[in-house]
Amino acid sequence: AAAASGALGGAGGLPALAIELPLSTTIIMRAVADIARSE
């Protein structure tokens, strides 16, 4: 999921970052929470 969001925002500059970063950060946060739960 993170790779897919990165491909969408990879070459779009600052405007793309404002769209891609919330998505990728949410994916990372869910991954972190998933690991917390597994521990």
Full PDB file with SEQRES, HELIX, SHEET, SSBOND, CRYST1, ORIGX, SCALE, CONECT and MASTER records, all heavy atoms in Angstrom:
SEQRES   1 A   39  ALA ALA ALA ALA SER GLY ALA LEU GLY GLY ALA GLY GLY          
SEQRES   2 A   39  LEU PRO ALA LEU ALA ILE GLU LEU PRO LEU SER THR THR          
SEQRES   3 A   39  ILE ILE MET ARG ALA VAL ALA ASP ILE ALA ARG SER GLU          
HELIX    1 AA1 ALA A    2  GLY A    9  1                                   8    
HELIX    2 AA2 GLY A   13  SER A   38  1                                  26    
CRYST1    1.000    1.000    1.000  90.00  90.00  90.00 P 1           1          
ORIGX1      1.000000  0.000000  0.000000        0.00000                         
ORIGX2      0.000000  1.000000  0.000000        0.00000                         
ORIGX3      0.000000  0.000000  1.000000        0.00000                         
SCALE1      1.000000  0.000000  0.000000        0.00000                         
SCALE2      0.000000  1.000000  0.000000        0.00000                         
SCALE3      0.000000  0.000000  1.000000        0.00000                         
ATOM      1  N   ALA A   1       0.824  -1.204   0.000  1.00  0.00           N  
ATOM      2  CA  ALA A   1       0.000   0.000   0.000  1.00  0.00           C  
ATOM      3  C   ALA A   1       0.861   1.258   0.000  1.00  0.00           C  
ATOM      4  O   ALA A   1       0.567   2.236  -0.705  1.00  0.00           O  
ATOM      5  CB  ALA A   1      -0.930  -0.009   1.213  1.00  0.00           C  
ATOM      6  N   ALA A   2       1.948   1.242   0.759  1.00  0.00           N  
ATOM      7  CA  ALA A   2       2.836   2.400   0.812  1.00  0.00           C  
ATOM      8  C   ALA A   2       3.529   2.620  -0.525  1.00  0.00           C  
ATOM      9  O   ALA A   2       3.691   3.759  -0.975  1.00  0.00           O  
ATOM     10  CB  ALA A   2       3.874   2.220   1.918  1.00  0.00           C  
ATOM     11  N   ALA A   3       3.947   1.543  -1.176  1.00  0.00           N  
ATOM     12  CA  ALA A   3       4.592   1.656  -2.485  1.00  0.00           C  
ATOM     13  C   ALA A   3       3.638   2.266  -3.505  1.00  0.00           C  
ATOM     14  O   ALA A   3       4.025   3.120  -4.311  1.00  0.00           O  
ATOM     15  CB  ALA A   3       5.068   0.292  -2.960  1.00  0.00           C  
ATOM     16  N   ALA A   4       2.378   1.848  -3.461  1.00  0.00           N  
ATOM     17  CA  ALA A   4       1.391   2.385  -4.401  1.00  0.00           C  
ATOM     18  C   ALA A   4       1.182   3.875  -4.186  1.00  0.00           C  
ATOM     19  O   ALA A   4       1.126   4.664  -5.145  1.00  0.00           O  
ATOM     20  CB  ALA A   4       0.062   1.651  -4.248  1.00  0.00           C  
ATOM     21  N   SER A   5       1.085   4.316  -2.933  1.00  0.00           N  
ATOM     22  CA  SER A   5       0.893   5.739  -2.660  1.00  0.00           C  
ATOM     23  C   SER A   5       2.127   6.543  -3.047  1.00  0.00           C  
ATOM     24  O   SER A   5       2.022   7.669  -3.535  1.00  0.00           O  
ATOM     25  CB  SER A   5       0.554   5.964  -1.180  1.00  0.00           C  
ATOM     26  OG  SER A   5       1.676   5.705  -0.351  1.00  0.00           O  
ATOM     27  N   GLY A   6       3.315   5.966  -2.867  1.00  0.00           N  
ATOM     28  CA  GLY A   6       4.545   6.653  -3.242  1.00  0.00           C  
ATOM     29  C   GLY A   6       4.666   6.832  -4.738  1.00  0.00           C  
ATOM     30  O   GLY A   6       5.138   7.862  -5.217  1.00  0.00           O  
ATOM     31  N   ALA A   7       4.223   5.839  -5.504  1.00  0.00           N  
ATOM     32  CA  ALA A   7       4.273   5.942  -6.964  1.00  0.00           C  
ATOM     33  C   ALA A   7       3.374   7.066  -7.458  1.00  0.00           C  
ATOM     34  O   ALA A   7       3.705   7.777  -8.410  1.00  0.00           O  
ATOM     35  CB  ALA A   7       3.847   4.619  -7.591  1.00  0.00           C  
ATOM     36  N   LEU A   8       2.247   7.268  -6.794  1.00  0.00           N  
ATOM     37  CA  LEU A   8       1.315   8.326  -7.189  1.00  0.00           C  
ATOM     38  C   LEU A   8       1.899   9.716  -6.953  1.00  0.00           C  
ATOM     39  O   LEU A   8       1.673  10.637  -7.737  1.00  0.00           O  
ATOM     40  CB  LEU A   8       0.001   8.184  -6.409  1.00  0.00           C  
ATOM     41  CG  LEU A   8      -0.873   6.983  -6.766  1.00  0.00           C  
ATOM     42  CD1 LEU A   8      -2.047   6.888  -5.802  1.00  0.00           C  
ATOM     43  CD2 LEU A   8      -1.384   7.108  -8.201  1.00  0.00           C  
ATOM     44  N   GLY A   9       2.660   9.866  -5.855  1.00  0.00           N  
ATOM     45  CA  GLY A   9       3.163  11.191  -5.508  1.00  0.00           C  
ATOM     46  C   GLY A   9       4.623  11.409  -5.791  1.00  0.00           C  
ATOM     47  O   GLY A   9       5.167  12.463  -5.466  1.00  0.00           O  
ATOM     48  N   GLY A  10       5.288  10.452  -6.424  1.00  0.00           N  
ATOM     49  CA  GLY A  10       6.734  10.495  -6.563  1.00  0.00           C  
ATOM     50  C   GLY A  10       7.287  11.678  -7.307  1.00  0.00           C  
ATOM     51  O   GLY A  10       8.330  12.213  -6.952  1.00  0.00           O  
ATOM     52  N   ALA A  11       6.616  12.106  -8.351  1.00  0.00           N  
ATOM     53  CA  ALA A  11       7.201  13.156  -9.180  1.00  0.00           C  
ATOM     54  C   ALA A  11       6.333  14.403  -9.232  1.00  0.00           C  
ATOM     55  O   ALA A  11       6.520  15.248 -10.088  1.00  0.00           O  
ATOM     56  CB  ALA A  11       7.401  12.621 -10.604  1.00  0.00           C  
ATOM     57  N   GLY A  12       5.419  14.539  -8.289  1.00  0.00           N  
ATOM     58  CA  GLY A  12       4.464  15.644  -8.354  1.00  0.00           C  
ATOM     59  C   GLY A  12       4.834  16.874  -7.572  1.00  0.00           C  
ATOM     60  O   GLY A  12       4.055  17.842  -7.534  1.00  0.00           O  
ATOM     61  N   GLY A  13       5.983  16.879  -6.892  1.00  0.00           N  
ATOM     62  CA  GLY A  13       6.403  18.057  -6.157  1.00  0.00           C  
ATOM     63  C   GLY A  13       5.575  18.302  -4.903  1.00  0.00           C  
ATOM     64  O   GLY A  13       4.901  17.408  -4.374  1.00  0.00           O  
ATOM     65  N   LEU A  14       5.596  19.557  -4.434  1.00  0.00           N  
ATOM     66  CA  LEU A  14       4.940  19.925  -3.188  1.00  0.00           C  
ATOM     67  C   LEU A  14       3.425  19.713  -3.215  1.00  0.00           C  
ATOM     68  O   LEU A  14       2.858  19.217  -2.228  1.00  0.00           O  
ATOM     69  CB  LEU A  14       5.274  21.376  -2.826  1.00  0.00           C  
ATOM     70  CG  LEU A  14       4.978  21.814  -1.388  1.00  0.00           C  
ATOM     71  CD1 LEU A  14       5.704  20.929  -0.388  1.00  0.00           C  
ATOM     72  CD2 LEU A  14       5.362  23.280  -1.198  1.00  0.00           C  
ATOM     73  N   PRO A  15       2.725  20.061  -4.300  1.00  0.00           N  
ATOM     74  CA  PRO A  15       1.273  19.800  -4.323  1.00  0.00           C  
ATOM     75  C   PRO A  15       0.949  18.322  -4.141  1.00  0.00           C  
ATOM     76  O   PRO A  15      -0.001  17.965  -3.440  1.00  0.00           O  
ATOM     77  CB  PRO A  15       0.848  20.299  -5.711  1.00  0.00           C  
ATOM     78  CG  PRO A  15       1.872  21.323  -6.070  1.00  0.00           C  
ATOM     79  CD  PRO A  15       3.164  20.799  -5.499  1.00  0.00           C  
ATOM     80  N   ALA A  16       1.740  17.452  -4.767  1.00  0.00           N  
ATOM     81  CA  ALA A  16       1.504  16.012  -4.626  1.00  0.00           C  
ATOM     82  C   ALA A  16       1.809  15.542  -3.212  1.00  0.00           C  
ATOM     83  O   ALA A  16       1.142  14.637  -2.684  1.00  0.00           O  
ATOM     84  CB  ALA A  16       2.354  15.241  -5.625  1.00  0.00           C  
ATOM     85  N   LEU A  17       2.822  16.152  -2.569  1.00  0.00           N  
ATOM     86  CA  LEU A  17       3.168  15.766  -1.205  1.00  0.00           C  
ATOM     87  C   LEU A  17       1.994  15.996  -0.263  1.00  0.00           C  
ATOM     88  O   LEU A  17       1.725  15.182   0.618  1.00  0.00           O  
ATOM     89  CB  LEU A  17       4.384  16.565  -0.728  1.00  0.00           C  
ATOM     90  CG  LEU A  17       4.877  16.232   0.693  1.00  0.00           C  
ATOM     91  CD1 LEU A  17       5.543  14.863   0.721  1.00  0.00           C  
ATOM     92  CD2 LEU A  17       5.841  17.304   1.201  1.00  0.00           C  
ATOM     93  N   ALA A  18       1.279  17.095  -0.451  1.00  0.00           N  
ATOM     94  CA  ALA A  18       0.145  17.420   0.409  1.00  0.00           C  
ATOM     95  C   ALA A  18      -0.976  16.399   0.278  1.00  0.00           C  
ATOM     96  O   ALA A  18      -1.795  16.245   1.188  1.00  0.00           O  
ATOM     97  CB  ALA A  18      -0.384  18.816   0.079  1.00  0.00           C  
ATOM     98  N   ILE A  19      -1.011  15.691  -0.847  1.00  0.00           N  
ATOM     99  CA  ILE A  19      -2.019  14.651  -1.062  1.00  0.00           C  
ATOM    100  C   ILE A  19      -1.492  13.286  -0.639  1.00  0.00           C  
ATOM    101  O   ILE A  19      -2.173  12.506   0.026  1.00  0.00           O  
ATOM    102  CB  ILE A  19      -2.442  14.612  -2.542  1.00  0.00           C  
ATOM    103  CG1 ILE A  19      -3.077  15.953  -2.944  1.00  0.00           C  
ATOM    104  CG2 ILE A  19      -3.400  13.457  -2.799  1.00  0.00           C  
ATOM    105  CD1 ILE A  19      -3.327  16.087  -4.430  1.00  0.00           C  
ATOM    106  N   GLU A  20      -0.244  12.998  -1.033  1.00  0.00           N  
ATOM    107  CA  GLU A  20       0.328  11.673  -0.796  1.00  0.00           C  
ATOM    108  C   GLU A  20       0.744  11.460   0.652  1.00  0.00           C  
ATOM    109  O   GLU A  20       0.580  10.357   1.191  1.00  0.00           O  
ATOM    110  CB  GLU A  20       1.538  11.474  -1.722  1.00  0.00           C  
ATOM    111  CG  GLU A  20       2.183  10.093  -1.648  1.00  0.00           C  
ATOM    112  CD  GLU A  20       3.331  10.019  -0.652  1.00  0.00           C  
ATOM    113  OE1 GLU A  20       4.000  11.043  -0.435  1.00  0.00           O  
ATOM    114  OE2 GLU A  20       3.541   8.934  -0.086  1.00  0.00           O  
ATOM    115  N   LEU A  21       1.266  12.496   1.322  1.00  0.00           N  
ATOM    116  CA  LEU A  21       1.797  12.314   2.677  1.00  0.00           C  
ATOM    117  C   LEU A  21       0.732  11.880   3.686  1.00  0.00           C  
ATOM    118  O   LEU A  21       0.987  10.963   4.475  1.00  0.00           O  
ATOM    119  CB  LEU A  21       2.511  13.580   3.158  1.00  0.00           C  
ATOM    120  CG  LEU A  21       3.208  13.455   4.518  1.00  0.00           C  
ATOM    121  CD1 LEU A  21       4.287  12.387   4.480  1.00  0.00           C  
ATOM    122  CD2 LEU A  21       3.800  14.796   4.946  1.00  0.00           C  
ATOM    123  N   PRO A  22      -0.453  12.497   3.704  1.00  0.00           N  
ATOM    124  CA  PRO A  22      -1.473  11.998   4.649  1.00  0.00           C  
ATOM    125  C   PRO A  22      -1.814  10.529   4.418  1.00  0.00           C  
ATOM    126  O   PRO A  22      -2.016   9.773   5.374  1.00  0.00           O  
ATOM    127  CB  PRO A  22      -2.682  12.902   4.370  1.00  0.00           C  
ATOM    128  CG  PRO A  22      -2.102  14.149   3.815  1.00  0.00           C  
ATOM    129  CD  PRO A  22      -0.924  13.702   3.002  1.00  0.00           C  
ATOM    130  N   LEU A  23      -1.856  10.120   3.146  1.00  0.00           N  
ATOM    131  CA  LEU A  23      -2.167   8.726   2.829  1.00  0.00           C  
ATOM    132  C   LEU A  23      -1.058   7.796   3.293  1.00  0.00           C  
ATOM    133  O   LEU A  23      -1.300   6.796   3.981  1.00  0.00           O  
ATOM    134  CB  LEU A  23      -2.404   8.580   1.329  1.00  0.00           C  
ATOM    135  CG  LEU A  23      -2.673   7.158   0.808  1.00  0.00           C  
ATOM    136  CD1 LEU A  23      -3.893   6.558   1.492  1.00  0.00           C  
ATOM    137  CD2 LEU A  23      -2.840   7.171  -0.709  1.00  0.00           C  
ATOM    138  N   SER A  24       0.179   8.117   2.930  1.00  0.00           N  
ATOM    139  CA  SER A  24       1.292   7.236   3.294  1.00  0.00           C  
ATOM    140  C   SER A  24       1.524   7.230   4.807  1.00  0.00           C  
ATOM    141  O   SER A  24       1.870   6.182   5.381  1.00  0.00           O  
ATOM    142  CB  SER A  24       2.574   7.655   2.564  1.00  0.00           C  
ATOM    143  OG  SER A  24       2.956   8.963   2.908  1.00  0.00           O  
ATOM    144  N   THR A  25       1.313   8.377   5.471  1.00  0.00           N  
ATOM    145  CA  THR A  25       1.484   8.426   6.922  1.00  0.00           C  
ATOM    146  C   THR A  25       0.434   7.575   7.621  1.00  0.00           C  
ATOM    147  O   THR A  25       0.727   6.896   8.616  1.00  0.00           O  
ATOM    148  CB  THR A  25       1.413   9.886   7.417  1.00  0.00           C  
ATOM    149  OG1 THR A  25       2.404  10.666   6.751  1.00  0.00           O  
ATOM    150  CG2 THR A  25       1.663   9.962   8.924  1.00  0.00           C  
ATOM    151  N   THR A  26      -0.786   7.586   7.110  1.00  0.00           N  
ATOM    152  CA  THR A  26      -1.845   6.743   7.672  1.00  0.00           C  
ATOM    153  C   THR A  26      -1.513   5.269   7.495  1.00  0.00           C  
ATOM    154  O   THR A  26      -1.715   4.452   8.408  1.00  0.00           O  
ATOM    155  CB  THR A  26      -3.199   7.064   7.015  1.00  0.00           C  
ATOM    156  OG1 THR A  26      -3.541   8.433   7.278  1.00  0.00           O  
ATOM    157  CG2 THR A  26      -4.300   6.162   7.558  1.00  0.00           C  
ATOM    158  N   ILE A  27      -0.977   4.921   6.331  1.00  0.00           N  
ATOM    159  CA  ILE A  27      -0.584   3.531   6.095  1.00  0.00           C  
ATOM    160  C   ILE A  27       0.514   3.112   7.072  1.00  0.00           C  
ATOM    161  O   ILE A  27       0.470   2.022   7.661  1.00  0.00           O  
ATOM    162  CB  ILE A  27      -0.111   3.346   4.643  1.00  0.00           C  
ATOM    163  CG1 ILE A  27      -1.285   3.540   3.676  1.00  0.00           C  
ATOM    164  CG2 ILE A  27       0.508   1.956   4.437  1.00  0.00           C  
ATOM    165  CD1 ILE A  27      -0.867   3.654   2.224  1.00  0.00           C  
ATOM    166  N   ILE A  28       1.503   3.979   7.254  1.00  0.00           N  
ATOM    167  CA  ILE A  28       2.587   3.677   8.195  1.00  0.00           C  
ATOM    168  C   ILE A  28       2.044   3.563   9.611  1.00  0.00           C  
ATOM    169  O   ILE A  28       2.413   2.655  10.372  1.00  0.00           O  
ATOM    170  CB  ILE A  28       3.695   4.734   8.114  1.00  0.00           C  
ATOM    171  CG1 ILE A  28       4.374   4.699   6.744  1.00  0.00           C  
ATOM    172  CG2 ILE A  28       4.737   4.511   9.213  1.00  0.00           C  
ATOM    173  CD1 ILE A  28       5.327   5.850   6.498  1.00  0.00           C  
ATOM    174  N   MET A  29       1.135   4.475   9.986  1.00  0.00           N  
ATOM    175  CA  MET A  29       0.559   4.438  11.330  1.00  0.00           C  
ATOM    176  C   MET A  29      -0.192   3.127  11.570  1.00  0.00           C  
ATOM    177  O   MET A  29      -0.092   2.519  12.638  1.00  0.00           O  
ATOM    178  CB  MET A  29      -0.385   5.619  11.540  1.00  0.00           C  
ATOM    179  CG  MET A  29      -0.967   5.715  12.951  1.00  0.00           C  
ATOM    180  SD  MET A  29       0.262   6.173  14.190  1.00  0.00           S  
ATOM    181  CE  MET A  29       0.339   7.950  13.912  1.00  0.00           C  
ATOM    182  N   ARG A  30      -0.931   2.682  10.564  1.00  0.00           N  
ATOM    183  CA  ARG A  30      -1.645   1.412  10.699  1.00  0.00           C  
ATOM    184  C   ARG A  30      -0.653   0.247  10.814  1.00  0.00           C  
ATOM    185  O   ARG A  30      -0.896  -0.715  11.559  1.00  0.00           O  
ATOM    186  CB  ARG A  30      -2.592   1.194   9.525  1.00  0.00           C  
ATOM    187  CG  ARG A  30      -3.802   2.103   9.524  1.00  0.00           C  
ATOM    188  CD  ARG A  30      -4.788   1.739   8.437  1.00  0.00           C  
ATOM    189  NE  ARG A  30      -5.453   0.469   8.717  1.00  0.00           N  
ATOM    190  CZ  ARG A  30      -6.550   0.337   9.452  1.00  0.00           C  
ATOM    191  NH1 ARG A  30      -7.100   1.401  10.020  1.00  0.00           N  
ATOM    192  NH2 ARG A  30      -7.103  -0.851   9.640  1.00  0.00           N  
ATOM    193  N   ALA A  31       0.452   0.321  10.077  1.00  0.00           N  
ATOM    194  CA  ALA A  31       1.477  -0.723  10.170  1.00  0.00           C  
ATOM    195  C   ALA A  31       2.090  -0.755  11.560  1.00  0.00           C  
ATOM    196  O   ALA A  31       2.325  -1.831  12.125  1.00  0.00           O  
ATOM    197  CB  ALA A  31       2.555  -0.486   9.114  1.00  0.00           C  
ATOM    198  N   VAL A  32       2.344   0.416  12.120  1.00  0.00           N  
ATOM    199  CA  VAL A  32       2.909   0.517  13.468  1.00  0.00           C  
ATOM    200  C   VAL A  32       1.925  -0.054  14.495  1.00  0.00           C  
ATOM    201  O   VAL A  32       2.299  -0.837  15.380  1.00  0.00           O  
ATOM    202  CB  VAL A  32       3.255   1.980  13.798  1.00  0.00           C  
ATOM    203  CG1 VAL A  32       3.556   2.164  15.286  1.00  0.00           C  
ATOM    204  CG2 VAL A  32       4.444   2.449  12.958  1.00  0.00           C  
ATOM    205  N   ALA A  33       0.657   0.342  14.374  1.00  0.00           N  
ATOM    206  CA  ALA A  33      -0.364  -0.149  15.303  1.00  0.00           C  
ATOM    207  C   ALA A  33      -0.548  -1.658  15.172  1.00  0.00           C  
ATOM    208  O   ALA A  33      -0.775  -2.361  16.170  1.00  0.00           O  
ATOM    209  CB  ALA A  33      -1.681   0.572  15.043  1.00  0.00           C  
ATOM    210  N   ASP A  34      -0.445  -2.146  13.954  1.00  0.00           N  
ATOM    211  CA  ASP A  34      -0.554  -3.588  13.695  1.00  0.00           C  
ATOM    212  C   ASP A  34       0.538  -4.344  14.447  1.00  0.00           C  
ATOM    213  O   ASP A  34       0.300  -5.400  15.056  1.00  0.00           O  
ATOM    214  CB  ASP A  34      -0.436  -3.814  12.183  1.00  0.00           C  
ATOM    215  CG  ASP A  34      -0.853  -5.216  11.751  1.00  0.00           C  
ATOM    216  OD1 ASP A  34      -1.707  -5.823  12.429  1.00  0.00           O  
ATOM    217  OD2 ASP A  34      -0.339  -5.682  10.713  1.00  0.00           O  
ATOM    218  N   ILE A  35       1.744  -3.806  14.440  1.00  0.00           N  
ATOM    219  CA  ILE A  35       2.866  -4.432  15.145  1.00  0.00           C  
ATOM    220  C   ILE A  35       2.679  -4.323  16.648  1.00  0.00           C  
ATOM    221  O   ILE A  35       2.951  -5.275  17.391  1.00  0.00           O  
ATOM    222  CB  ILE A  35       4.191  -3.797  14.688  1.00  0.00           C  
ATOM    223  CG1 ILE A  35       4.504  -4.229  13.252  1.00  0.00           C  
ATOM    224  CG2 ILE A  35       5.338  -4.175  15.628  1.00  0.00           C  
ATOM    225  CD1 ILE A  35       5.626  -3.469  12.597  1.00  0.00           C  
ATOM    226  N   ALA A  36       2.201  -3.164  17.116  1.00  0.00           N  
ATOM    227  CA  ALA A  36       1.937  -3.002  18.553  1.00  0.00           C  
ATOM    228  C   ALA A  36       0.950  -4.058  19.036  1.00  0.00           C  
ATOM    229  O   ALA A  36       1.153  -4.700  20.077  1.00  0.00           O  
ATOM    230  CB  ALA A  36       1.388  -1.604  18.826  1.00  0.00           C  
ATOM    231  N   ARG A  37      -0.099  -4.250  18.269  1.00  0.00           N  
ATOM    232  CA  ARG A  37      -1.110  -5.248  18.619  1.00  0.00           C  
ATOM    233  C   ARG A  37      -0.507  -6.658  18.624  1.00  0.00           C  
ATOM    234  O   ARG A  37      -0.813  -7.480  19.497  1.00  0.00           O  
ATOM    235  CB  ARG A  37      -2.269  -5.159  17.631  1.00  0.00           C  
ATOM    236  CG  ARG A  37      -3.434  -6.083  17.937  1.00  0.00           C  
ATOM    237  CD  ARG A  37      -4.589  -5.835  16.980  1.00  0.00           C  
ATOM    238  NE  ARG A  37      -4.186  -5.982  15.578  1.00  0.00           N  
ATOM    239  CZ  ARG A  37      -4.980  -5.701  14.555  1.00  0.00           C  
ATOM    240  NH1 ARG A  37      -6.192  -5.226  14.754  1.00  0.00           N  
ATOM    241  NH2 ARG A  37      -4.545  -5.860  13.315  1.00  0.00           N  
ATOM    242  N   SER A  38       0.376  -6.938  17.654  1.00  0.00           N  
ATOM    243  CA  SER A  38       0.978  -8.272  17.575  1.00  0.00           C  
ATOM    244  C   SER A  38       1.897  -8.555  18.761  1.00  0.00           C  
ATOM    245  O   SER A  38       2.144  -9.716  19.097  1.00  0.00           O  
ATOM    246  CB  SER A  38       1.766  -8.416  16.266  1.00  0.00           C  
ATOM    247  OG  SER A  38       3.002  -7.724  16.312  1.00  0.00           O  
ATOM    248  N   GLU A  39       2.410  -7.485  19.397  1.00  0.00           N  
ATOM    249  CA  GLU A  39       3.260  -7.657  20.581  1.00  0.00           C  
ATOM    250  C   GLU A  39       2.436  -7.689  21.875  1.00  0.00           C  
ATOM    251  O   GLU A  39       2.995  -7.697  22.968  1.00  0.00           O  
ATOM    252  CB  GLU A  39       4.296  -6.527  20.655  1.00  0.00           C  
ATOM    253  CG  GLU A  39       5.404  -6.629  19.621  1.00  0.00           C  
ATOM    254  CD  GLU A  39       6.373  -7.788  19.858  1.00  0.00           C  
ATOM    255  OE1 GLU A  39       6.455  -8.252  21.024  1.00  0.00           O  
ATOM    256  OE2 GLU A  39       7.024  -8.235  18.900  1.00  0.00           O  
TER     257      GLU A  39                                                      
MASTER        0    0    0    2    0    0    0    6  256    1    0    3          
END                                                                             
